[in-house]
Amino acid sequence: MMHRVKVSGAGQLGSRHLQALQAIQSPLEIYVIDPSSQSLAVAKERFEAVSQGVAHIARFEQQALVTGLTDVAIVATSASVRRKAIEELLKSSDIKYLVLEKLLFDEPEDYPAVADLLKKKAVQAWVNCPMRVMPVYQEIKRQLGGKPINYRVSGSQFGLVTNAIHYLDHVCDLTGCSEFVLDTSALIQSPISSKRPGFLELNGTLTARFADGSSCEITCYPQGSAPVVVEIFSEAHRFIVRESDGILWSSDAANNWTWKEEQCSIPYQSQITTGMVQSLLKEGTCGFTPYDVASRMHLALLEPLGKFLGKKTGVASFPFT
């Protein structure tokens, strides 16, 4: 039986998801949906460029066509139109498994509205926070044993808001605690334009204090070229990960805090998507963040940021993606 997969949004992220489907060894019927004919043409070119000889059927459409059951749908649009994209997909067919990009939505009412829709349609949904499924972080999680941690991220010009949810979610995965309070007092006052037109970004420091005593500090410098470094400390372990170079430094109490350096593999999004789709098709689940958990964490991040922006610009929604 040929499985049906739909990808809504044919931009940079959508194209990477689409290319990842070429590595699925069983034939797929793939629908790529984007209102831009130019984006569809680029996505088609990229998809065909990585063909691995499997007889996938790919259709490129400017709107969601009515079909039978869809096994997996991936929504890789920008946050501002993601709710509409989800609604259109669910009108076009029944969907078993739904995977959403982040940030999820830029209107606060979209979060409960989509939750209600998913429940009504009996759709299982996850949000793409891929640190949970990376081997280096899975091993770190095993060693930490779910205890409270201090977690720090720093680097230059990496997109503070759009990436903050990755790190907050990662703390949740490592500790099992998803409840936190966000401190925005160390943000730089003036927002900047995002790399994506029509959206904003921020620089400075965000600090989250979790209910289990864990903390997460994320600092984005507005200038310079400092690489992004992730530091994870507990009473018995210390880890420093420099993802751009694939290097892990670790030390622990059992080895008298002697530092050890080793190579670590950071998979590409395309590799992660291949494994995610295969897991959904074979096992009916994947390692990403369940929608209800991700939704709560998004709001705990975005509502304080909306208030911060409201004081500066009068903006009531969340103009991030």
C-alpha atoms as a PDB file:
ATOM      1  CA  MET A   1       0.000   0.000   0.000  1.00  0.00           C
ATOM      2  CA  MET A   2       1.323   3.434  -0.935  1.00  0.00           C
ATOM      3  CA  HIS A   3       1.321   5.917   1.956  1.00  0.00           C
ATOM      4  CA  ARG A   4       0.186   9.493   1.376  1.00  0.00           C
ATOM      5  CA  VAL A   5       2.243  12.409   2.766  1.00  0.00           C
ATOM      6  CA  LYS A   6       1.429  16.114   2.440  1.00  0.00           C
ATOM      7  CA  VAL A   7       3.841  19.000   2.914  1.00  0.00           C
ATOM      8  CA  SER A   8       2.246  22.434   3.329  1.00  0.00           C
ATOM      9  CA  GLY A   9       4.752  25.219   2.686  1.00  0.00           C
ATOM     10  CA  ALA A  10       7.452  24.873   0.024  1.00  0.00           C
ATOM     11  CA  GLY A  11       9.981  27.386   1.373  1.00  0.00           C
ATOM     12  CA  GLN A  12      13.403  26.598   2.817  1.00  0.00           C
ATOM     13  CA  LEU A  13      12.128  24.335   5.599  1.00  0.00           C
ATOM     14  CA  GLY A  14       9.458  22.739   3.438  1.00  0.00           C
ATOM     15  CA  SER A  15      12.038  21.930   0.770  1.00  0.00           C
ATOM     16  CA  ARG A  16      14.256  20.195   3.328  1.00  0.00           C
ATOM     17  CA  HIS A  17      11.330  18.111   4.561  1.00  0.00           C
ATOM     18  CA  LEU A  18      10.472  17.269   0.974  1.00  0.00           C
ATOM     19  CA  GLN A  19      14.017  16.196   0.129  1.00  0.00           C
ATOM     20  CA  ALA A  20      14.013  13.970   3.210  1.00  0.00           C
ATOM     21  CA  LEU A  21      11.057  12.032   1.802  1.00  0.00           C
ATOM     22  CA  GLN A  22      13.257  10.851  -1.078  1.00  0.00           C
ATOM     23  CA  ALA A  23      15.150   8.695   1.435  1.00  0.00           C
ATOM     24  CA  ILE A  24      11.999   6.770   2.434  1.00  0.00           C
ATOM     25  CA  GLN A  25      12.445   3.340   0.868  1.00  0.00           C
ATOM     26  CA  SER A  26       8.754   2.529   0.356  1.00  0.00           C
ATOM     27  CA  PRO A  27       6.910   4.461  -2.402  1.00  0.00           C
ATOM     28  CA  LEU A  28       4.979   7.528  -1.259  1.00  0.00           C
ATOM     29  CA  GLU A  29       2.260   9.645  -2.807  1.00  0.00           C
ATOM     30  CA  ILE A  30       3.444  13.164  -1.915  1.00  0.00           C
ATOM     31  CA  TYR A  31       1.470  16.383  -2.165  1.00  0.00           C
ATOM     32  CA  VAL A  32       3.389  19.662  -1.877  1.00  0.00           C
ATOM     33  CA  ILE A  33       1.126  22.669  -1.269  1.00  0.00           C
ATOM     34  CA  ASP A  34       2.102  26.330  -1.583  1.00  0.00           C
ATOM     35  CA  PRO A  35       0.258  29.308  -3.125  1.00  0.00           C
ATOM     36  CA  SER A  36       3.497  30.445  -4.809  1.00  0.00           C
ATOM     37  CA  SER A  37       4.145  28.790  -8.169  1.00  0.00           C
ATOM     38  CA  GLN A  38       7.762  29.949  -7.937  1.00  0.00           C
ATOM     39  CA  SER A  39       8.260  28.232  -4.565  1.00  0.00           C
ATOM     40  CA  LEU A  40       6.683  25.057  -5.948  1.00  0.00           C
ATOM     41  CA  ALA A  41       9.022  25.116  -8.951  1.00  0.00           C
ATOM     42  CA  VAL A  42      12.090  25.466  -6.713  1.00  0.00           C
ATOM     43  CA  ALA A  43      10.825  22.714  -4.396  1.00  0.00           C
ATOM     44  CA  LYS A  44      10.247  20.389  -7.348  1.00  0.00           C
ATOM     45  CA  GLU A  45      13.770  21.020  -8.632  1.00  0.00           C
ATOM     46  CA  ARG A  46      15.276  20.317  -5.226  1.00  0.00           C
ATOM     47  CA  PHE A  47      13.167  17.198  -4.777  1.00  0.00           C
ATOM     48  CA  GLU A  48      14.182  15.739  -8.129  1.00  0.00           C
ATOM     49  CA  ALA A  49      17.843  16.600  -7.549  1.00  0.00           C
ATOM     50  CA  VAL A  50      18.108  14.118  -4.657  1.00  0.00           C
ATOM     51  CA  SER A  51      16.176  11.231  -6.217  1.00  0.00           C
ATOM     52  CA  GLN A  52      17.268   7.860  -4.852  1.00  0.00           C
ATOM     53  CA  GLY A  53      15.440   5.678  -7.334  1.00  0.00           C
ATOM     54  CA  VAL A  54      12.317   4.961  -5.278  1.00  0.00           C
ATOM     55  CA  ALA A  55       9.109   5.386  -7.299  1.00  0.00           C
ATOM     56  CA  HIS A  56       7.572   8.211  -5.277  1.00  0.00           C
ATOM     57  CA  ILE A  57       4.712  10.128  -6.874  1.00  0.00           C
ATOM     58  CA  ALA A  58       4.987  13.871  -6.204  1.00  0.00           C
ATOM     59  CA  ARG A  59       2.286  16.414  -6.981  1.00  0.00           C
ATOM     60  CA  PHE A  60       2.863  20.168  -6.630  1.00  0.00           C
ATOM     61  CA  GLU A  61      -0.325  22.144  -5.999  1.00  0.00           C
ATOM     62  CA  GLN A  62      -1.232  25.720  -5.093  1.00  0.00           C
ATOM     63  CA  GLN A  63      -4.026  24.594  -2.771  1.00  0.00           C
ATOM     64  CA  ALA A  64      -4.881  21.510  -0.764  1.00  0.00           C
ATOM     65  CA  LEU A  65      -6.729  19.060  -3.018  1.00  0.00           C
ATOM     66  CA  VAL A  66      -9.389  16.735  -1.635  1.00  0.00           C
ATOM     67  CA  THR A  67      -7.968  13.232  -1.238  1.00  0.00           C
ATOM     68  CA  GLY A  68      -8.456  10.105   0.784  1.00  0.00           C
ATOM     69  CA  LEU A  69      -6.689   9.450   4.083  1.00  0.00           C
ATOM     70  CA  THR A  70      -3.368  11.238   4.605  1.00  0.00           C
ATOM     71  CA  ASP A  71      -0.907   9.282   6.724  1.00  0.00           C
ATOM     72  CA  VAL A  72       1.463  12.148   7.570  1.00  0.00           C
ATOM     73  CA  ALA A  73       1.104  15.895   7.016  1.00  0.00           C
ATOM     74  CA  ILE A  74       3.920  18.373   7.658  1.00  0.00           C
ATOM     75  CA  VAL A  75       3.096  22.075   7.991  1.00  0.00           C
ATOM     76  CA  ALA A  76       6.165  24.197   7.267  1.00  0.00           C
ATOM     77  CA  THR A  77       4.510  27.555   6.578  1.00  0.00           C
ATOM     78  CA  SER A  78       5.290  30.723   8.510  1.00  0.00           C
ATOM     79  CA  ALA A  79       3.549  31.153  11.864  1.00  0.00           C
ATOM     80  CA  SER A  80       1.169  33.820  10.558  1.00  0.00           C
ATOM     81  CA  VAL A  81      -0.628  31.418   8.182  1.00  0.00           C
ATOM     82  CA  ARG A  82      -0.089  28.089   9.942  1.00  0.00           C
ATOM     83  CA  ARG A  83      -3.570  27.850  11.475  1.00  0.00           C
ATOM     84  CA  LYS A  84      -5.145  28.461   8.058  1.00  0.00           C
ATOM     85  CA  ALA A  85      -2.877  25.826   6.495  1.00  0.00           C
ATOM     86  CA  ILE A  86      -3.882  23.277   9.147  1.00  0.00           C
ATOM     87  CA  GLU A  87      -7.582  24.014   8.629  1.00  0.00           C
ATOM     88  CA  GLU A  88      -7.259  23.621   4.855  1.00  0.00           C
ATOM     89  CA  LEU A  89      -5.401  20.333   5.197  1.00  0.00           C
ATOM     90  CA  LEU A  90      -8.043  18.947   7.538  1.00  0.00           C
ATOM     91  CA  LYS A  91     -10.778  19.966   5.107  1.00  0.00           C
ATOM     92  CA  SER A  92      -9.027  18.199   2.242  1.00  0.00           C
ATOM     93  CA  SER A  93      -8.685  14.803   3.947  1.00  0.00           C
ATOM     94  CA  ASP A  94      -8.579  12.913   7.203  1.00  0.00           C
ATOM     95  CA  ILE A  95      -5.060  13.038   8.663  1.00  0.00           C
ATOM     96  CA  LYS A  96      -3.551  10.438  10.976  1.00  0.00           C
ATOM     97  CA  TYR A  97      -0.361  12.202  12.016  1.00  0.00           C
ATOM     98  CA  LEU A  98       0.461  15.909  11.861  1.00  0.00           C
ATOM     99  CA  VAL A  99       3.897  17.499  12.341  1.00  0.00           C
ATOM    100  CA  LEU A 100       4.118  21.272  12.790  1.00  0.00           C
ATOM    101  CA  GLU A 101       7.034  23.656  12.501  1.00  0.00           C
ATOM    102  CA  LYS A 102       7.695  26.294  15.105  1.00  0.00           C
ATOM    103  CA  LEU A 103       7.073  28.915  16.169  1.00  0.00           C
ATOM    104  CA  LEU A 104       3.543  27.589  16.040  1.00  0.00           C
ATOM    105  CA  PHE A 105       1.272  30.645  15.693  1.00  0.00           C
ATOM    106  CA  ASP A 106       1.499  34.402  16.145  1.00  0.00           C
ATOM    107  CA  GLU A 107      -2.046  34.903  17.464  1.00  0.00           C
ATOM    108  CA  PRO A 108      -2.764  33.709  21.019  1.00  0.00           C
ATOM    109  CA  GLU A 109      -6.263  32.459  20.166  1.00  0.00           C
ATOM    110  CA  ASP A 110      -4.851  30.067  17.552  1.00  0.00           C
ATOM    111  CA  TYR A 111      -3.363  27.782  20.213  1.00  0.00           C
ATOM    112  CA  PRO A 112      -6.630  26.611  21.860  1.00  0.00           C
ATOM    113  CA  ALA A 113      -8.518  26.779  18.535  1.00  0.00           C
ATOM    114  CA  VAL A 114      -6.109  24.347  16.865  1.00  0.00           C
ATOM    115  CA  ALA A 115      -6.092  22.125  19.967  1.00  0.00           C
ATOM    116  CA  ASP A 116      -9.888  21.874  19.758  1.00  0.00           C
ATOM    117  CA  LEU A 117      -9.716  21.103  16.032  1.00  0.00           C
ATOM    118  CA  LEU A 118      -7.139  18.365  16.494  1.00  0.00           C
ATOM    119  CA  LYS A 119      -9.246  16.790  19.235  1.00  0.00           C
ATOM    120  CA  LYS A 120     -12.403  16.981  17.107  1.00  0.00           C
ATOM    121  CA  LYS A 121     -10.652  15.373  14.141  1.00  0.00           C
ATOM    122  CA  ALA A 122      -8.770  12.823  16.299  1.00  0.00           C
ATOM    123  CA  VAL A 123      -5.416  13.894  14.870  1.00  0.00           C
ATOM    124  CA  GLN A 124      -2.186  13.100  16.689  1.00  0.00           C
ATOM    125  CA  ALA A 125       0.177  16.076  16.391  1.00  0.00           C
ATOM    126  CA  TRP A 126       3.776  16.880  17.245  1.00  0.00           C
ATOM    127  CA  VAL A 127       5.996  19.963  16.966  1.00  0.00           C
ATOM    128  CA  ASN A 128       9.418  19.781  15.357  1.00  0.00           C
ATOM    129  CA  CYS A 129      11.832  20.382  18.238  1.00  0.00           C
ATOM    130  CA  PRO A 130      14.598  18.075  16.969  1.00  0.00           C
ATOM    131  CA  MET A 131      17.114  18.307  19.820  1.00  0.00           C
ATOM    132  CA  ARG A 132      15.057  15.578  21.491  1.00  0.00           C
ATOM    133  CA  VAL A 133      16.010  13.054  18.819  1.00  0.00           C
ATOM    134  CA  MET A 134      19.694  13.944  18.303  1.00  0.00           C
ATOM    135  CA  PRO A 135      21.972  11.116  19.532  1.00  0.00           C
ATOM    136  CA  VAL A 136      24.353  13.382  21.472  1.00  0.00           C
ATOM    137  CA  TYR A 137      21.516  14.908  23.469  1.00  0.00           C
ATOM    138  CA  GLN A 138      19.821  11.551  24.027  1.00  0.00           C
ATOM    139  CA  GLU A 139      23.049  10.304  25.628  1.00  0.00           C
ATOM    140  CA  ILE A 140      23.301  13.457  27.750  1.00  0.00           C
ATOM    141  CA  LYS A 141      19.704  12.898  28.863  1.00  0.00           C
ATOM    142  CA  ARG A 142      20.527   9.331  29.872  1.00  0.00           C
ATOM    143  CA  GLN A 143      23.433  10.506  32.017  1.00  0.00           C
ATOM    144  CA  LEU A 144      21.536  13.374  33.665  1.00  0.00           C
ATOM    145  CA  GLY A 145      18.786  11.052  34.858  1.00  0.00           C
ATOM    146  CA  GLY A 146      16.029  13.681  34.881  1.00  0.00           C
ATOM    147  CA  LYS A 147      17.509  15.797  37.679  1.00  0.00           C
ATOM    148  CA  PRO A 148      17.323  19.623  37.708  1.00  0.00           C
ATOM    149  CA  ILE A 149      19.900  21.384  35.548  1.00  0.00           C
ATOM    150  CA  ASN A 150      21.392  24.769  34.724  1.00  0.00           C
ATOM    151  CA  TYR A 151      21.229  25.290  30.957  1.00  0.00           C
ATOM    152  CA  ARG A 152      22.915  28.134  29.075  1.00  0.00           C
ATOM    153  CA  VAL A 153      23.093  29.090  25.402  1.00  0.00           C
ATOM    154  CA  SER A 154      25.080  31.945  23.900  1.00  0.00           C
ATOM    155  CA  GLY A 155      26.065  33.105  20.434  1.00  0.00           C
ATOM    156  CA  SER A 156      25.838  35.939  17.937  1.00  0.00           C
ATOM    157  CA  GLN A 157      22.938  36.798  15.649  1.00  0.00           C
ATOM    158  CA  PHE A 158      21.280  33.370  15.715  1.00  0.00           C
ATOM    159  CA  GLY A 159      17.647  34.475  16.071  1.00  0.00           C
ATOM    160  CA  LEU A 160      16.841  34.606  19.774  1.00  0.00           C
ATOM    161  CA  VAL A 161      13.069  34.192  19.723  1.00  0.00           C
ATOM    162  CA  THR A 162      12.759  31.733  16.861  1.00  0.00           C
ATOM    163  CA  ASN A 163      15.341  29.446  18.478  1.00  0.00           C
ATOM    164  CA  ALA A 164      14.470  29.962  22.157  1.00  0.00           C
ATOM    165  CA  ILE A 165      11.670  27.398  22.000  1.00  0.00           C
ATOM    166  CA  HIS A 166      14.200  24.761  20.929  1.00  0.00           C
ATOM    167  CA  TYR A 167      16.265  25.280  24.060  1.00  0.00           C
ATOM    168  CA  LEU A 168      13.326  25.635  26.439  1.00  0.00           C
ATOM    169  CA  ASP A 169      11.836  22.459  25.006  1.00  0.00           C
ATOM    170  CA  HIS A 170      15.188  20.724  25.392  1.00  0.00           C
ATOM    171  CA  VAL A 171      15.272  21.552  29.096  1.00  0.00           C
ATOM    172  CA  CYS A 172      11.795  20.041  29.320  1.00  0.00           C
ATOM    173  CA  ASP A 173      12.996  16.876  27.583  1.00  0.00           C
ATOM    174  CA  LEU A 174      16.090  16.543  29.787  1.00  0.00           C
ATOM    175  CA  THR A 175      14.273  17.113  33.085  1.00  0.00           C
ATOM    176  CA  GLY A 176      10.643  16.164  32.435  1.00  0.00           C
ATOM    177  CA  CYS A 177       9.500  19.612  33.628  1.00  0.00           C
ATOM    178  CA  SER A 178       7.646  21.905  31.193  1.00  0.00           C
ATOM    179  CA  GLU A 179       6.439  24.657  33.558  1.00  0.00           C
ATOM    180  CA  PHE A 180       8.523  27.825  33.635  1.00  0.00           C
ATOM    181  CA  VAL A 181       8.366  31.578  34.219  1.00  0.00           C
ATOM    182  CA  LEU A 182      10.160  33.831  31.727  1.00  0.00           C
ATOM    183  CA  ASP A 183      12.220  36.895  32.667  1.00  0.00           C
ATOM    184  CA  THR A 184      12.536  39.440  29.829  1.00  0.00           C
ATOM    185  CA  SER A 185      14.299  42.176  31.830  1.00  0.00           C
ATOM    186  CA  ALA A 186      17.698  41.620  30.160  1.00  0.00           C
ATOM    187  CA  LEU A 187      16.427  41.917  26.587  1.00  0.00           C
ATOM    188  CA  ILE A 188      17.767  44.736  24.429  1.00  0.00           C
ATOM    189  CA  GLN A 189      14.968  47.272  24.243  1.00  0.00           C
ATOM    190  CA  SER A 190      14.630  47.746  20.483  1.00  0.00           C
ATOM    191  CA  PRO A 191      13.353  44.838  18.348  1.00  0.00           C
ATOM    192  CA  ILE A 192      14.973  44.231  14.970  1.00  0.00           C
ATOM    193  CA  SER A 193      13.611  42.955  11.671  1.00  0.00           C
ATOM    194  CA  SER A 194      13.688  39.200  11.263  1.00  0.00           C
ATOM    195  CA  LYS A 195      15.423  37.561   8.316  1.00  0.00           C
ATOM    196  CA  ARG A 196      11.897  36.725   7.170  1.00  0.00           C
ATOM    197  CA  PRO A 197      10.033  39.838   5.967  1.00  0.00           C
ATOM    198  CA  GLY A 198       7.175  41.022   8.152  1.00  0.00           C
ATOM    199  CA  PHE A 199       8.436  39.494  11.396  1.00  0.00           C
ATOM    200  CA  LEU A 200      10.512  40.761  14.300  1.00  0.00           C
ATOM    201  CA  GLU A 201      13.412  39.428  16.343  1.00  0.00           C
ATOM    202  CA  LEU A 202      15.036  40.357  19.638  1.00  0.00           C
ATOM    203  CA  ASN A 203      18.528  40.333  21.088  1.00  0.00           C
ATOM    204  CA  GLY A 204      19.818  40.179  24.633  1.00  0.00           C
ATOM    205  CA  THR A 205      19.102  37.566  27.284  1.00  0.00           C
ATOM    206  CA  LEU A 206      16.040  35.525  28.170  1.00  0.00           C
ATOM    207  CA  THR A 207      15.976  33.629  31.455  1.00  0.00           C
ATOM    208  CA  ALA A 208      13.469  30.888  32.297  1.00  0.00           C
ATOM    209  CA  ARG A 209      13.034  29.457  35.778  1.00  0.00           C
ATOM    210  CA  PHE A 210      11.448  26.023  35.783  1.00  0.00           C
ATOM    211  CA  ALA A 211       9.177  24.592  38.454  1.00  0.00           C
ATOM    212  CA  ASP A 212      11.681  21.837  39.344  1.00  0.00           C
ATOM    213  CA  GLY A 213      14.453  24.363  40.062  1.00  0.00           C
ATOM    214  CA  SER A 214      16.105  24.158  36.643  1.00  0.00           C
ATOM    215  CA  SER A 215      17.101  27.347  34.849  1.00  0.00           C
ATOM    216  CA  CYS A 216      17.620  28.225  31.201  1.00  0.00           C
ATOM    217  CA  GLU A 217      19.543  31.333  30.097  1.00  0.00           C
ATOM    218  CA  ILE A 218      19.664  32.178  26.379  1.00  0.00           C
ATOM    219  CA  THR A 219      21.853  35.061  25.175  1.00  0.00           C
ATOM    220  CA  CYS A 220      21.981  36.370  21.611  1.00  0.00           C
ATOM    221  CA  TYR A 221      24.550  39.054  20.863  1.00  0.00           C
ATOM    222  CA  PRO A 222      23.429  41.597  18.236  1.00  0.00           C
ATOM    223  CA  GLN A 223      26.895  41.794  16.668  1.00  0.00           C
ATOM    224  CA  GLY A 224      29.932  39.605  16.161  1.00  0.00           C
ATOM    225  CA  SER A 225      30.452  36.014  15.120  1.00  0.00           C
ATOM    226  CA  ALA A 226      30.447  34.083  18.398  1.00  0.00           C
ATOM    227  CA  PRO A 227      29.441  30.468  17.688  1.00  0.00           C
ATOM    228  CA  VAL A 228      26.375  29.084  19.404  1.00  0.00           C
ATOM    229  CA  VAL A 229      27.450  27.044  22.429  1.00  0.00           C
ATOM    230  CA  VAL A 230      25.133  24.960  24.624  1.00  0.00           C
ATOM    231  CA  GLU A 231      26.172  24.367  28.247  1.00  0.00           C
ATOM    232  CA  ILE A 232      24.328  21.886  30.468  1.00  0.00           C
ATOM    233  CA  PHE A 233      25.355  21.569  34.110  1.00  0.00           C
ATOM    234  CA  SER A 234      24.039  19.505  37.019  1.00  0.00           C
ATOM    235  CA  GLU A 235      25.483  18.660  40.424  1.00  0.00           C
ATOM    236  CA  ALA A 236      27.164  15.582  38.947  1.00  0.00           C
ATOM    237  CA  HIS A 237      27.716  16.405  35.237  1.00  0.00           C
ATOM    238  CA  ARG A 238      28.914  19.177  32.944  1.00  0.00           C
ATOM    239  CA  PHE A 239      28.448  19.211  29.180  1.00  0.00           C
ATOM    240  CA  ILE A 240      29.437  21.808  26.589  1.00  0.00           C
ATOM    241  CA  VAL A 241      28.310  21.313  22.995  1.00  0.00           C
ATOM    242  CA  ARG A 242      29.554  23.319  20.036  1.00  0.00           C
ATOM    243  CA  GLU A 243      27.178  22.048  17.370  1.00  0.00           C
ATOM    244  CA  SER A 244      28.742  23.923  14.446  1.00  0.00           C
ATOM    245  CA  ASP A 245      31.967  21.946  14.902  1.00  0.00           C
ATOM    246  CA  GLY A 246      30.424  18.723  16.184  1.00  0.00           C
ATOM    247  CA  ILE A 247      32.378  18.838  19.447  1.00  0.00           C
ATOM    248  CA  LEU A 248      31.270  17.735  22.920  1.00  0.00           C
ATOM    249  CA  TRP A 249      33.195  18.464  26.088  1.00  0.00           C
ATOM    250  CA  SER A 250      32.077  16.600  29.211  1.00  0.00           C
ATOM    251  CA  SER A 251      33.156  16.053  32.803  1.00  0.00           C
ATOM    252  CA  ASP A 252      31.564  14.450  35.840  1.00  0.00           C
ATOM    253  CA  ALA A 253      32.053  13.870  39.528  1.00  0.00           C
ATOM    254  CA  ALA A 254      32.736  10.150  39.053  1.00  0.00           C
ATOM    255  CA  ASN A 255      35.864  11.005  37.028  1.00  0.00           C
ATOM    256  CA  ASN A 256      37.066  13.832  39.286  1.00  0.00           C
ATOM    257  CA  TRP A 257      35.718  16.443  36.843  1.00  0.00           C
ATOM    258  CA  THR A 258      38.371  15.671  34.228  1.00  0.00           C
ATOM    259  CA  TRP A 259      37.322  17.172  30.902  1.00  0.00           C
ATOM    260  CA  LYS A 260      36.878  14.848  27.941  1.00  0.00           C
ATOM    261  CA  GLU A 261      36.608  16.033  24.335  1.00  0.00           C
ATOM    262  CA  GLU A 262      34.892  13.962  21.643  1.00  0.00           C
ATOM    263  CA  GLN A 263      33.223  14.333  18.286  1.00  0.00           C
ATOM    264  CA  CYS A 264      29.442  14.340  18.177  1.00  0.00           C
ATOM    265  CA  SER A 265      27.134  14.033  15.202  1.00  0.00           C
ATOM    266  CA  ILE A 266      24.500  16.740  14.670  1.00  0.00           C
ATOM    267  CA  PRO A 267      22.114  15.409  11.995  1.00  0.00           C
ATOM    268  CA  TYR A 268      20.660  17.657   9.323  1.00  0.00           C
ATOM    269  CA  GLN A 269      16.939  18.449   9.317  1.00  0.00           C
ATOM    270  CA  SER A 270      16.544  16.265   6.230  1.00  0.00           C
ATOM    271  CA  GLN A 271      17.993  13.263   8.086  1.00  0.00           C
ATOM    272  CA  ILE A 272      15.770  13.942  11.093  1.00  0.00           C
ATOM    273  CA  THR A 273      12.654  14.205   8.918  1.00  0.00           C
ATOM    274  CA  THR A 274      13.390  10.885   7.231  1.00  0.00           C
ATOM    275  CA  GLY A 275      13.564   9.124  10.584  1.00  0.00           C
ATOM    276  CA  MET A 276      10.483  10.947  11.885  1.00  0.00           C
ATOM    277  CA  VAL A 277       8.304   9.959   8.910  1.00  0.00           C
ATOM    278  CA  GLN A 278       9.540   6.370   9.015  1.00  0.00           C
ATOM    279  CA  SER A 279       8.733   6.185  12.723  1.00  0.00           C
ATOM    280  CA  LEU A 280       5.225   7.554  12.196  1.00  0.00           C
ATOM    281  CA  LEU A 281       4.487   5.173   9.334  1.00  0.00           C
ATOM    282  CA  LYS A 282       5.835   2.108  11.151  1.00  0.00           C
ATOM    283  CA  GLU A 283       5.111   2.796  14.822  1.00  0.00           C
ATOM    284  CA  GLY A 284       2.495   5.563  14.904  1.00  0.00           C
ATOM    285  CA  THR A 285       4.634   7.854  17.028  1.00  0.00           C
ATOM    286  CA  CYS A 286       7.821   9.926  16.900  1.00  0.00           C
ATOM    287  CA  GLY A 287      10.295  11.583  19.242  1.00  0.00           C
ATOM    288  CA  PHE A 288       9.141  15.176  18.709  1.00  0.00           C
ATOM    289  CA  THR A 289       7.218  17.237  21.268  1.00  0.00           C
ATOM    290  CA  PRO A 290       3.496  16.441  21.609  1.00  0.00           C
ATOM    291  CA  TYR A 291       1.298  19.363  20.580  1.00  0.00           C
ATOM    292  CA  ASP A 292      -0.236  19.961  24.014  1.00  0.00           C
ATOM    293  CA  VAL A 293       3.171  20.229  25.717  1.00  0.00           C
ATOM    294  CA  ALA A 294       4.618  22.401  22.940  1.00  0.00           C
ATOM    295  CA  SER A 295       1.573  24.672  22.943  1.00  0.00           C
ATOM    296  CA  ARG A 296       1.870  25.405  26.670  1.00  0.00           C
ATOM    297  CA  MET A 297       5.574  26.121  26.343  1.00  0.00           C
ATOM    298  CA  HIS A 298       5.067  28.387  23.329  1.00  0.00           C
ATOM    299  CA  LEU A 299       2.564  30.502  25.251  1.00  0.00           C
ATOM    300  CA  ALA A 300       4.821  30.641  28.324  1.00  0.00           C
ATOM    301  CA  LEU A 301       7.500  32.063  26.013  1.00  0.00           C
ATOM    302  CA  LEU A 302       5.436  34.270  23.725  1.00  0.00           C
ATOM    303  CA  GLU A 303       3.004  35.908  26.144  1.00  0.00           C
ATOM    304  CA  PRO A 304       5.786  37.678  28.129  1.00  0.00           C
ATOM    305  CA  LEU A 305       7.462  38.626  24.841  1.00  0.00           C
ATOM    306  CA  GLY A 306       4.162  40.016  23.556  1.00  0.00           C
ATOM    307  CA  LYS A 307       3.896  42.157  26.703  1.00  0.00           C
ATOM    308  CA  PHE A 308       7.488  43.297  26.248  1.00  0.00           C
ATOM    309  CA  LEU A 309       6.763  44.334  22.661  1.00  0.00           C
ATOM    310  CA  GLY A 310       3.435  45.844  23.623  1.00  0.00           C
ATOM    311  CA  LYS A 311       5.217  48.317  25.849  1.00  0.00           C
ATOM    312  CA  LYS A 312       7.482  49.266  22.959  1.00  0.00           C
ATOM    313  CA  THR A 313       5.332  49.039  19.834  1.00  0.00           C
ATOM    314  CA  GLY A 314       1.691  48.545  20.806  1.00  0.00           C
ATOM    315  CA  VAL A 315       1.720  45.081  19.215  1.00  0.00           C
ATOM    316  CA  ALA A 316      -0.690  42.678  20.910  1.00  0.00           C
ATOM    317  CA  SER A 317       0.084  39.513  18.918  1.00  0.00           C
ATOM    318  CA  PHE A 318       3.372  37.621  18.564  1.00  0.00           C
ATOM    319  CA  PRO A 319       5.118  38.898  15.399  1.00  0.00           C
ATOM    320  CA  PHE A 320       7.709  36.109  15.375  1.00  0.00           C
ATOM    321  CA  THR A 321       8.225  33.027  13.244  1.00  0.00           C
END
